Amino acid sequence: TGYTFAHPEQVGAPIAMVTAWHTGLSGAVRPSIPEGGLS
């Protein structure tokens, strides 16, 4: 829900898998931000 801004009933299963992996279960959550932000 925090990634999609929606309830899980509104989202397809593939998004759930990718989100779960890349935001925690891979064990390597290393987000990055451009200098000055995405803007």
Full PDB file with SEQRES, HELIX, SHEET, SSBOND, CRYST1, ORIGX, SCALE, CONECT and MASTER records, all heavy atoms in Angstrom:
SEQRES   1 A   39  THR GLY TYR THR PHE ALA HIS PRO GLU GLN VAL GLY ALA          
SEQRES   2 A   39  PRO ILE ALA MET VAL THR ALA TRP HIS THR GLY LEU SER          
SEQRES   3 A   39  GLY ALA VAL ARG PRO SER ILE PRO GLU GLY GLY LEU SER          
HELIX    1 AA1 PRO A    8  GLN A   10  5                                   3    
HELIX    2 AA2 ALA A   13  ALA A   20  1                                   8    
HELIX    3 AA3 TRP A   21  LEU A   25  3                                   5    
CRYST1    1.000    1.000    1.000  90.00  90.00  90.00 P 1           1          
ORIGX1      1.000000  0.000000  0.000000        0.00000                         
ORIGX2      0.000000  1.000000  0.000000        0.00000                         
ORIGX3      0.000000  0.000000  1.000000        0.00000                         
SCALE1      1.000000  0.000000  0.000000        0.00000                         
SCALE2      0.000000  1.000000  0.000000        0.00000                         
SCALE3      0.000000  0.000000  1.000000        0.00000                         
ATOM      1  N   THR A   1       0.828  -1.206   0.000  1.00  0.00           N  
ATOM      2  CA  THR A   1       0.000   0.000   0.000  1.00  0.00           C  
ATOM      3  C   THR A   1       0.860   1.253   0.000  1.00  0.00           C  
ATOM      4  O   THR A   1       0.558   2.234  -0.688  1.00  0.00           O  
ATOM      5  CB  THR A   1      -0.942   0.000   1.216  1.00  0.00           C  
ATOM      6  OG1 THR A   1      -1.857  -1.091   1.096  1.00  0.00           O  
ATOM      7  CG2 THR A   1      -1.733   1.289   1.308  1.00  0.00           C  
ATOM      8  N   GLY A   2       1.961   1.231   0.743  1.00  0.00           N  
ATOM      9  CA  GLY A   2       2.854   2.384   0.774  1.00  0.00           C  
ATOM     10  C   GLY A   2       3.531   2.645  -0.555  1.00  0.00           C  
ATOM     11  O   GLY A   2       3.852   3.791  -0.881  1.00  0.00           O  
ATOM     12  N   TYR A   3       3.718   1.594  -1.349  1.00  0.00           N  
ATOM     13  CA  TYR A   3       4.356   1.747  -2.663  1.00  0.00           C  
ATOM     14  C   TYR A   3       3.358   2.180  -3.730  1.00  0.00           C  
ATOM     15  O   TYR A   3       3.679   2.997  -4.600  1.00  0.00           O  
ATOM     16  CB  TYR A   3       5.007   0.426  -3.082  1.00  0.00           C  
ATOM     17  CG  TYR A   3       5.724   0.488  -4.413  1.00  0.00           C  
ATOM     18  CD1 TYR A   3       6.998   1.048  -4.513  1.00  0.00           C  
ATOM     19  CD2 TYR A   3       5.130  -0.011  -5.567  1.00  0.00           C  
ATOM     20  CE1 TYR A   3       7.651   1.114  -5.738  1.00  0.00           C  
ATOM     21  CE2 TYR A   3       5.781   0.045  -6.790  1.00  0.00           C  
ATOM     22  CZ  TYR A   3       7.038   0.611  -6.870  1.00  0.00           C  
ATOM     23  OH  TYR A   3       7.683   0.676  -8.082  1.00  0.00           O  
ATOM     24  N   THR A   4       2.134   1.644  -3.676  1.00  0.00           N  
ATOM     25  CA  THR A   4       1.153   1.879  -4.740  1.00  0.00           C  
ATOM     26  C   THR A   4       0.101   2.919  -4.384  1.00  0.00           C  
ATOM     27  O   THR A   4      -0.660   3.351  -5.258  1.00  0.00           O  
ATOM     28  CB  THR A   4       0.421   0.576  -5.094  1.00  0.00           C  
ATOM     29  OG1 THR A   4      -0.282   0.107  -3.924  1.00  0.00           O  
ATOM     30  CG2 THR A   4       1.399  -0.485  -5.555  1.00  0.00           C  
ATOM     31  N   PHE A   5       0.004   3.295  -3.096  1.00  0.00           N  
ATOM     32  CA  PHE A   5      -1.064   4.192  -2.634  1.00  0.00           C  
ATOM     33  C   PHE A   5      -2.435   3.599  -2.944  1.00  0.00           C  
ATOM     34  O   PHE A   5      -3.370   4.305  -3.332  1.00  0.00           O  
ATOM     35  CB  PHE A   5      -0.938   5.583  -3.253  1.00  0.00           C  
ATOM     36  CG  PHE A   5       0.334   6.306  -2.884  1.00  0.00           C  
ATOM     37  CD1 PHE A   5       0.818   7.317  -3.691  1.00  0.00           C  
ATOM     38  CD2 PHE A   5       1.040   5.982  -1.744  1.00  0.00           C  
ATOM     39  CE1 PHE A   5       1.989   8.000  -3.364  1.00  0.00           C  
ATOM     40  CE2 PHE A   5       2.211   6.645  -1.399  1.00  0.00           C  
ATOM     41  CZ  PHE A   5       2.686   7.656  -2.210  1.00  0.00           C  
ATOM     42  N   ALA A   6      -2.552   2.292  -2.766  1.00  0.00           N  
ATOM     43  CA  ALA A   6      -3.811   1.601  -3.034  1.00  0.00           C  
ATOM     44  C   ALA A   6      -3.912   0.392  -2.116  1.00  0.00           C  
ATOM     45  O   ALA A   6      -2.913  -0.083  -1.558  1.00  0.00           O  
ATOM     46  CB  ALA A   6      -3.888   1.162  -4.492  1.00  0.00           C  
ATOM     47  N   HIS A   7      -5.131  -0.117  -1.970  1.00  0.00           N  
ATOM     48  CA  HIS A   7      -5.332  -1.336  -1.201  1.00  0.00           C  
ATOM     49  C   HIS A   7      -4.909  -2.537  -2.042  1.00  0.00           C  
ATOM     50  O   HIS A   7      -5.031  -2.515  -3.276  1.00  0.00           O  
ATOM     51  CB  HIS A   7      -6.792  -1.459  -0.786  1.00  0.00           C  
ATOM     52  CG  HIS A   7      -7.265  -0.350   0.106  1.00  0.00           C  
ATOM     53  ND1 HIS A   7      -6.701  -0.113   1.341  1.00  0.00           N  
ATOM     54  CD2 HIS A   7      -8.228   0.594  -0.066  1.00  0.00           C  
ATOM     55  CE1 HIS A   7      -7.307   0.928   1.902  1.00  0.00           C  
ATOM     56  NE2 HIS A   7      -8.220   1.376   1.072  1.00  0.00           N  
ATOM     57  N   PRO A   8      -4.414  -3.610  -1.414  1.00  0.00           N  
ATOM     58  CA  PRO A   8      -3.935  -4.769  -2.170  1.00  0.00           C  
ATOM     59  C   PRO A   8      -4.977  -5.377  -3.095  1.00  0.00           C  
ATOM     60  O   PRO A   8      -4.622  -5.989  -4.106  1.00  0.00           O  
ATOM     61  CB  PRO A   8      -3.516  -5.754  -1.069  1.00  0.00           C  
ATOM     62  CG  PRO A   8      -3.155  -4.876   0.092  1.00  0.00           C  
ATOM     63  CD  PRO A   8      -4.130  -3.744   0.030  1.00  0.00           C  
ATOM     64  N   GLU A   9      -6.267  -5.216  -2.780  1.00  0.00           N  
ATOM     65  CA  GLU A   9      -7.314  -5.743  -3.643  1.00  0.00           C  
ATOM     66  C   GLU A   9      -7.376  -5.012  -4.991  1.00  0.00           C  
ATOM     67  O   GLU A   9      -7.978  -5.507  -5.936  1.00  0.00           O  
ATOM     68  CB  GLU A   9      -8.679  -5.622  -2.953  1.00  0.00           C  
ATOM     69  CG  GLU A   9      -8.884  -6.575  -1.788  1.00  0.00           C  
ATOM     70  CD  GLU A   9      -8.215  -6.101  -0.503  1.00  0.00           C  
ATOM     71  OE1 GLU A   9      -7.672  -4.961  -0.486  1.00  0.00           O  
ATOM     72  OE2 GLU A   9      -8.229  -6.852   0.482  1.00  0.00           O  
ATOM     73  N   GLN A  10      -6.755  -3.854  -5.075  1.00  0.00           N  
ATOM     74  CA  GLN A  10      -6.779  -3.066  -6.307  1.00  0.00           C  
ATOM     75  C   GLN A  10      -5.562  -3.307  -7.195  1.00  0.00           C  
ATOM     76  O   GLN A  10      -5.482  -2.754  -8.296  1.00  0.00           O  
ATOM     77  CB  GLN A  10      -6.844  -1.573  -5.955  1.00  0.00           C  
ATOM     78  CG  GLN A  10      -8.074  -1.174  -5.144  1.00  0.00           C  
ATOM     79  CD  GLN A  10      -7.953   0.236  -4.597  1.00  0.00           C  
ATOM     80  OE1 GLN A  10      -7.208   0.503  -3.658  1.00  0.00           O  
ATOM     81  NE2 GLN A  10      -8.675   1.163  -5.206  1.00  0.00           N  
ATOM     82  N   VAL A  11      -4.621  -4.117  -6.722  1.00  0.00           N  
ATOM     83  CA  VAL A  11      -3.317  -4.256  -7.365  1.00  0.00           C  
ATOM     84  C   VAL A  11      -3.129  -5.676  -7.892  1.00  0.00           C  
ATOM     85  O   VAL A  11      -3.574  -6.643  -7.271  1.00  0.00           O  
ATOM     86  CB  VAL A  11      -2.190  -3.917  -6.367  1.00  0.00           C  
ATOM     87  CG1 VAL A  11      -0.821  -4.011  -7.038  1.00  0.00           C  
ATOM     88  CG2 VAL A  11      -2.406  -2.532  -5.774  1.00  0.00           C  
ATOM     89  N   GLY A  12      -2.450  -5.796  -9.024  1.00  0.00           N  
ATOM     90  CA  GLY A  12      -2.150  -7.104  -9.574  1.00  0.00           C  
ATOM     91  C   GLY A  12      -1.047  -7.823  -8.816  1.00  0.00           C  
ATOM     92  O   GLY A  12      -0.182  -7.195  -8.191  1.00  0.00           O  
ATOM     93  N   ALA A  13      -1.046  -9.152  -8.865  1.00  0.00           N  
ATOM     94  CA  ALA A  13      -0.077  -9.956  -8.125  1.00  0.00           C  
ATOM     95  C   ALA A  13       1.377  -9.696  -8.526  1.00  0.00           C  
ATOM     96  O   ALA A  13       2.261  -9.679  -7.661  1.00  0.00           O  
ATOM     97  CB  ALA A  13      -0.405 -11.442  -8.276  1.00  0.00           C  
ATOM     98  N   PRO A  14       1.715  -9.487  -9.825  1.00  0.00           N  
ATOM     99  CA  PRO A  14       3.119  -9.249 -10.167  1.00  0.00           C  
ATOM    100  C   PRO A  14       3.720  -8.034  -9.451  1.00  0.00           C  
ATOM    101  O   PRO A  14       4.881  -8.059  -9.042  1.00  0.00           O  
ATOM    102  CB  PRO A  14       3.077  -9.035 -11.685  1.00  0.00           C  
ATOM    103  CG  PRO A  14       1.898  -9.825 -12.143  1.00  0.00           C  
ATOM    104  CD  PRO A  14       0.888  -9.635 -11.052  1.00  0.00           C  
ATOM    105  N   ILE A  15       2.936  -6.968  -9.290  1.00  0.00           N  
ATOM    106  CA  ILE A  15       3.449  -5.800  -8.573  1.00  0.00           C  
ATOM    107  C   ILE A  15       3.755  -6.171  -7.129  1.00  0.00           C  
ATOM    108  O   ILE A  15       4.753  -5.723  -6.553  1.00  0.00           O  
ATOM    109  CB  ILE A  15       2.452  -4.632  -8.632  1.00  0.00           C  
ATOM    110  CG1 ILE A  15       2.219  -4.192 -10.068  1.00  0.00           C  
ATOM    111  CG2 ILE A  15       2.950  -3.452  -7.795  1.00  0.00           C  
ATOM    112  CD1 ILE A  15       1.269  -3.026 -10.204  1.00  0.00           C  
ATOM    113  N   ALA A  16       2.906  -6.995  -6.529  1.00  0.00           N  
ATOM    114  CA  ALA A  16       3.135  -7.419  -5.147  1.00  0.00           C  
ATOM    115  C   ALA A  16       4.453  -8.166  -5.018  1.00  0.00           C  
ATOM    116  O   ALA A  16       5.222  -7.961  -4.073  1.00  0.00           O  
ATOM    117  CB  ALA A  16       1.974  -8.294  -4.675  1.00  0.00           C  
ATOM    118  N   MET A  17       4.744  -9.037  -5.980  1.00  0.00           N  
ATOM    119  CA  MET A  17       5.983  -9.812  -5.927  1.00  0.00           C  
ATOM    120  C   MET A  17       7.211  -8.914  -6.066  1.00  0.00           C  
ATOM    121  O   MET A  17       8.156  -9.013  -5.275  1.00  0.00           O  
ATOM    122  CB  MET A  17       5.982 -10.858  -7.042  1.00  0.00           C  
ATOM    123  CG  MET A  17       4.930 -11.937  -6.899  1.00  0.00           C  
ATOM    124  SD  MET A  17       5.013 -13.132  -8.251  1.00  0.00           S  
ATOM    125  CE  MET A  17       6.622 -13.866  -7.999  1.00  0.00           C  
ATOM    126  N   VAL A  18       7.190  -8.051  -7.061  1.00  0.00           N  
ATOM    127  CA  VAL A  18       8.346  -7.179  -7.293  1.00  0.00           C  
ATOM    128  C   VAL A  18       8.553  -6.235  -6.123  1.00  0.00           C  
ATOM    129  O   VAL A  18       9.680  -6.011  -5.670  1.00  0.00           O  
ATOM    130  CB  VAL A  18       8.165  -6.401  -8.610  1.00  0.00           C  
ATOM    131  CG1 VAL A  18       9.306  -5.409  -8.807  1.00  0.00           C  
ATOM    132  CG2 VAL A  18       8.103  -7.357  -9.789  1.00  0.00           C  
ATOM    133  N   THR A  19       7.463  -5.669  -5.610  1.00  0.00           N  
ATOM    134  CA  THR A  19       7.565  -4.735  -4.497  1.00  0.00           C  
ATOM    135  C   THR A  19       8.117  -5.416  -3.251  1.00  0.00           C  
ATOM    136  O   THR A  19       9.004  -4.885  -2.569  1.00  0.00           O  
ATOM    137  CB  THR A  19       6.186  -4.127  -4.195  1.00  0.00           C  
ATOM    138  OG1 THR A  19       5.688  -3.475  -5.356  1.00  0.00           O  
ATOM    139  CG2 THR A  19       6.275  -3.118  -3.064  1.00  0.00           C  
ATOM    140  N   ALA A  20       7.577  -6.598  -2.928  1.00  0.00           N  
ATOM    141  CA  ALA A  20       8.042  -7.314  -1.740  1.00  0.00           C  
ATOM    142  C   ALA A  20       9.528  -7.636  -1.832  1.00  0.00           C  
ATOM    143  O   ALA A  20      10.269  -7.529  -0.846  1.00  0.00           O  
ATOM    144  CB  ALA A  20       7.237  -8.598  -1.555  1.00  0.00           C  
ATOM    145  N   TRP A  21       9.986  -7.999  -3.019  1.00  0.00           N  
ATOM    146  CA  TRP A  21      11.390  -8.361  -3.181  1.00  0.00           C  
ATOM    147  C   TRP A  21      12.314  -7.157  -3.075  1.00  0.00           C  
ATOM    148  O   TRP A  21      13.268  -7.161  -2.324  1.00  0.00           O  
ATOM    149  CB  TRP A  21      11.592  -9.062  -4.524  1.00  0.00           C  
ATOM    150  CG  TRP A  21      13.012  -9.492  -4.779  1.00  0.00           C  
ATOM    151  CD1 TRP A  21      13.877  -8.990  -5.688  1.00  0.00           C  
ATOM    152  CD2 TRP A  21      13.724 -10.530  -4.092  1.00  0.00           C  
ATOM    153  NE1 TRP A  21      15.084  -9.635  -5.635  1.00  0.00           N  
ATOM    154  CE2 TRP A  21      15.029 -10.590  -4.655  1.00  0.00           C  
ATOM    155  CE3 TRP A  21      13.398 -11.405  -3.065  1.00  0.00           C  
ATOM    156  CZ2 TRP A  21      15.988 -11.496  -4.213  1.00  0.00           C  
ATOM    157  CZ3 TRP A  21      14.353 -12.311  -2.634  1.00  0.00           C  
ATOM    158  CH2 TRP A  21      15.621 -12.347  -3.200  1.00  0.00           C  
ATOM    159  N   HIS A  22      11.980  -6.100  -3.805  1.00  0.00           N  
ATOM    160  CA  HIS A  22      12.896  -4.966  -3.885  1.00  0.00           C  
ATOM    161  C   HIS A  22      12.801  -4.007  -2.705  1.00  0.00           C  
ATOM    162  O   HIS A  22      13.682  -3.164  -2.531  1.00  0.00           O  
ATOM    163  CB  HIS A  22      12.678  -4.202  -5.187  1.00  0.00           C  
ATOM    164  CG  HIS A  22      13.178  -4.935  -6.393  1.00  0.00           C  
ATOM    165  ND1 HIS A  22      14.524  -5.066  -6.675  1.00  0.00           N  
ATOM    166  CD2 HIS A  22      12.526  -5.611  -7.367  1.00  0.00           C  
ATOM    167  CE1 HIS A  22      14.672  -5.778  -7.776  1.00  0.00           C  
ATOM    168  NE2 HIS A  22      13.463  -6.117  -8.214  1.00  0.00           N  
ATOM    169  N   THR A  23      11.750  -4.125  -1.899  1.00  0.00           N  
ATOM    170  CA  THR A  23      11.641  -3.238  -0.743  1.00  0.00           C  
ATOM    171  C   THR A  23      11.895  -3.942   0.579  1.00  0.00           C  
ATOM    172  O   THR A  23      11.648  -3.377   1.642  1.00  0.00           O  
ATOM    173  CB  THR A  23      10.249  -2.570  -0.692  1.00  0.00           C  
ATOM    174  OG1 THR A  23       9.240  -3.586  -0.553  1.00  0.00           O  
ATOM    175  CG2 THR A  23       9.988  -1.749  -1.929  1.00  0.00           C  
ATOM    176  N   GLY A  24      12.398  -5.176   0.525  1.00  0.00           N  
ATOM    177  CA  GLY A  24      12.690  -5.822   1.800  1.00  0.00           C  
ATOM    178  C   GLY A  24      13.247  -7.225   1.735  1.00  0.00           C  
ATOM    179  O   GLY A  24      14.302  -7.511   2.293  1.00  0.00           O  
ATOM    180  N   LEU A  25      12.578  -8.138   1.016  1.00  0.00           N  
ATOM    181  CA  LEU A  25      12.953  -9.540   1.103  1.00  0.00           C  
ATOM    182  C   LEU A  25      14.221  -9.886   0.355  1.00  0.00           C  
ATOM    183  O   LEU A  25      14.775 -10.965   0.549  1.00  0.00           O  
ATOM    184  CB  LEU A  25      11.800 -10.415   0.611  1.00  0.00           C  
ATOM    185  CG  LEU A  25      10.602 -10.491   1.568  1.00  0.00           C  
ATOM    186  CD1 LEU A  25       9.547 -11.422   1.028  1.00  0.00           C  
ATOM    187  CD2 LEU A  25      11.047 -10.952   2.954  1.00  0.00           C  
ATOM    188  N   SER A  26      14.704  -9.003  -0.509  1.00  0.00           N  
ATOM    189  CA  SER A  26      15.999  -9.266  -1.127  1.00  0.00           C  
ATOM    190  C   SER A  26      17.119  -9.106  -0.109  1.00  0.00           C  
ATOM    191  O   SER A  26      18.234  -9.573  -0.302  1.00  0.00           O  
ATOM    192  CB  SER A  26      16.242  -8.301  -2.297  1.00  0.00           C  
ATOM    193  OG  SER A  26      16.396  -6.976  -1.818  1.00  0.00           O  
ATOM    194  N   GLY A  27      16.806  -8.424   1.008  1.00  0.00           N  
ATOM    195  CA  GLY A  27      17.819  -8.172   2.026  1.00  0.00           C  
ATOM    196  C   GLY A  27      18.807  -7.104   1.629  1.00  0.00           C  
ATOM    197  O   GLY A  27      19.815  -6.910   2.292  1.00  0.00           O  
ATOM    198  N   ALA A  28      18.540  -6.392   0.542  1.00  0.00           N  
ATOM    199  CA  ALA A  28      19.498  -5.385   0.057  1.00  0.00           C  
ATOM    200  C   ALA A  28      18.765  -4.151  -0.443  1.00  0.00           C  
ATOM    201  O   ALA A  28      18.784  -3.829  -1.615  1.00  0.00           O  
ATOM    202  CB  ALA A  28      20.352  -5.981  -1.066  1.00  0.00           C  
ATOM    203  N   VAL A  29      18.057  -3.503   0.468  1.00  0.00           N  
ATOM    204  CA  VAL A  29      17.329  -2.295   0.109  1.00  0.00           C  
ATOM    205  C   VAL A  29      18.306  -1.119   0.110  1.00  0.00           C  
ATOM    206  O   VAL A  29      18.707  -0.617   1.164  1.00  0.00           O  
ATOM    207  CB  VAL A  29      16.174  -2.030   1.099  1.00  0.00           C  
ATOM    208  CG1 VAL A  29      15.398  -0.790   0.679  1.00  0.00           C  
ATOM    209  CG2 VAL A  29      15.250  -3.230   1.156  1.00  0.00           C  
ATOM    210  N   ARG A  30      18.717  -0.708  -1.076  1.00  0.00           N  
ATOM    211  CA  ARG A  30      19.678   0.383  -1.186  1.00  0.00           C  
ATOM    212  C   ARG A  30      19.121   1.447  -2.146  1.00  0.00           C  
ATOM    213  O   ARG A  30      19.572   1.548  -3.294  1.00  0.00           O  
ATOM    214  CB  ARG A  30      21.031  -0.118  -1.673  1.00  0.00           C  
ATOM    215  CG  ARG A  30      21.716  -1.101  -0.721  1.00  0.00           C  
ATOM    216  CD  ARG A  30      23.123  -1.421  -1.194  1.00  0.00           C  
ATOM    217  NE  ARG A  30      23.981  -0.253  -1.165  1.00  0.00           N  
ATOM    218  CZ  ARG A  30      24.669   0.124  -0.103  1.00  0.00           C  
ATOM    219  NH1 ARG A  30      24.572  -0.554   1.026  1.00  0.00           N  
ATOM    220  NH2 ARG A  30      25.445   1.195  -0.154  1.00  0.00           N  
ATOM    221  N   PRO A  31      18.128   2.207  -1.706  1.00  0.00           N  
ATOM    222  CA  PRO A  31      17.598   3.254  -2.584  1.00  0.00           C  
ATOM    223  C   PRO A  31      18.611   4.375  -2.766  1.00  0.00           C  
ATOM    224  O   PRO A  31      19.538   4.538  -1.972  1.00  0.00           O  
ATOM    225  CB  PRO A  31      16.360   3.753  -1.819  1.00  0.00           C  
ATOM    226  CG  PRO A  31      16.652   3.439  -0.387  1.00  0.00           C  
ATOM    227  CD  PRO A  31      17.463   2.177  -0.398  1.00  0.00           C  
ATOM    228  N   SER A  32      18.440   5.120  -3.832  1.00  0.00           N  
ATOM    229  CA  SER A  32      19.320   6.252  -4.089  1.00  0.00           C  
ATOM    230  C   SER A  32      18.479   7.434  -4.560  1.00  0.00           C  
ATOM    231  O   SER A  32      17.343   7.268  -5.011  1.00  0.00           O  
ATOM    232  CB  SER A  32      20.383   5.901  -5.134  1.00  0.00           C  
ATOM    233  OG  SER A  32      19.769   5.526  -6.351  1.00  0.00           O  
ATOM    234  N   ILE A  33      19.058   8.625  -4.447  1.00  0.00           N  
ATOM    235  CA  ILE A  33      18.371   9.857  -4.809  1.00  0.00           C  
ATOM    236  C   ILE A  33      19.337  10.731  -5.596  1.00  0.00           C  
ATOM    237  O   ILE A  33      20.493  10.899  -5.193  1.00  0.00           O  
ATOM    238  CB  ILE A  33      17.898  10.610  -3.550  1.00  0.00           C  
ATOM    239  CG1 ILE A  33      16.915   9.754  -2.749  1.00  0.00           C  
ATOM    240  CG2 ILE A  33      17.245  11.946  -3.926  1.00  0.00           C  
ATOM    241  CD1 ILE A  33      16.485  10.383  -1.437  1.00  0.00           C  
ATOM    242  N   PRO A  34      18.915  11.288  -6.727  1.00  0.00           N  
ATOM    243  CA  PRO A  34      19.795  12.207  -7.455  1.00  0.00           C  
ATOM    244  C   PRO A  34      20.125  13.425  -6.603  1.00  0.00           C  
ATOM    245  O   PRO A  34      19.293  13.877  -5.801  1.00  0.00           O  
ATOM    246  CB  PRO A  34      18.955  12.613  -8.673  1.00  0.00           C  
ATOM    247  CG  PRO A  34      17.943  11.523  -8.821  1.00  0.00           C  
ATOM    248  CD  PRO A  34      17.639  11.064  -7.429  1.00  0.00           C  
ATOM    249  N   GLU A  35      21.319  13.942  -6.758  1.00  0.00           N  
ATOM    250  CA  GLU A  35      21.669  15.184  -6.069  1.00  0.00           C  
ATOM    251  C   GLU A  35      20.675  16.268  -6.478  1.00  0.00           C  
ATOM    252  O   GLU A  35      20.473  16.524  -7.655  1.00  0.00           O  
ATOM    253  CB  GLU A  35      23.090  15.615  -6.440  1.00  0.00           C  
ATOM    254  CG  GLU A  35      24.185  14.697  -5.917  1.00  0.00           C  
ATOM    255  CD  GLU A  35      24.376  14.821  -4.412  1.00  0.00           C  
ATOM    256  OE1 GLU A  35      23.830  15.774  -3.816  1.00  0.00           O  
ATOM    257  OE2 GLU A  35      25.071  13.960  -3.832  1.00  0.00           O  
ATOM    258  N   GLY A  36      20.031  16.870  -5.491  1.00  0.00           N  
ATOM    259  CA  GLY A  36      19.012  17.865  -5.787  1.00  0.00           C  
ATOM    260  C   GLY A  36      17.627  17.275  -5.956  1.00  0.00           C  
ATOM    261  O   GLY A  36      16.686  18.000  -6.294  1.00  0.00           O  
ATOM    262  N   GLY A  37      17.486  15.955  -5.726  1.00  0.00           N  
ATOM    263  CA  GLY A  37      16.190  15.309  -5.836  1.00  0.00           C  
ATOM    264  C   GLY A  37      15.860  14.883  -7.252  1.00  0.00           C  
ATOM    265  O   GLY A  37      16.565  15.206  -8.211  1.00  0.00           O  
ATOM    266  N   LEU A  38      14.775  14.143  -7.393  1.00  0.00           N  
ATOM    267  CA  LEU A  38      14.372  13.674  -8.720  1.00  0.00           C  
ATOM    268  C   LEU A  38      14.018  14.824  -9.651  1.00  0.00           C  
ATOM    269  O   LEU A  38      14.097  14.696 -10.874  1.00  0.00           O  
ATOM    270  CB  LEU A  38      13.180  12.722  -8.605  1.00  0.00           C  
ATOM    271  CG  LEU A  38      13.541  11.271  -8.261  1.00  0.00           C  
ATOM    272  CD1 LEU A  38      12.297  10.454  -7.987  1.00  0.00           C  
ATOM    273  CD2 LEU A  38      14.336  10.641  -9.399  1.00  0.00           C  
ATOM    274  N   SER A  39      13.647  15.972  -9.089  1.00  0.00           N  
ATOM    275  CA  SER A  39      13.375  17.135  -9.934  1.00  0.00           C  
ATOM    276  C   SER A  39      14.629  17.578 -10.683  1.00  0.00           C  
ATOM    277  O   SER A  39      14.546  18.088 -11.807  1.00  0.00           O  
ATOM    278  CB  SER A  39      12.835  18.290  -9.086  1.00  0.00           C  
ATOM    279  OG  SER A  39      13.740  18.617  -8.042  1.00  0.00           O  
TER     280      SER A  39                                                      
MASTER        0    0    0    3    0    0    0    6  279    1    0    3          
END                                                                             
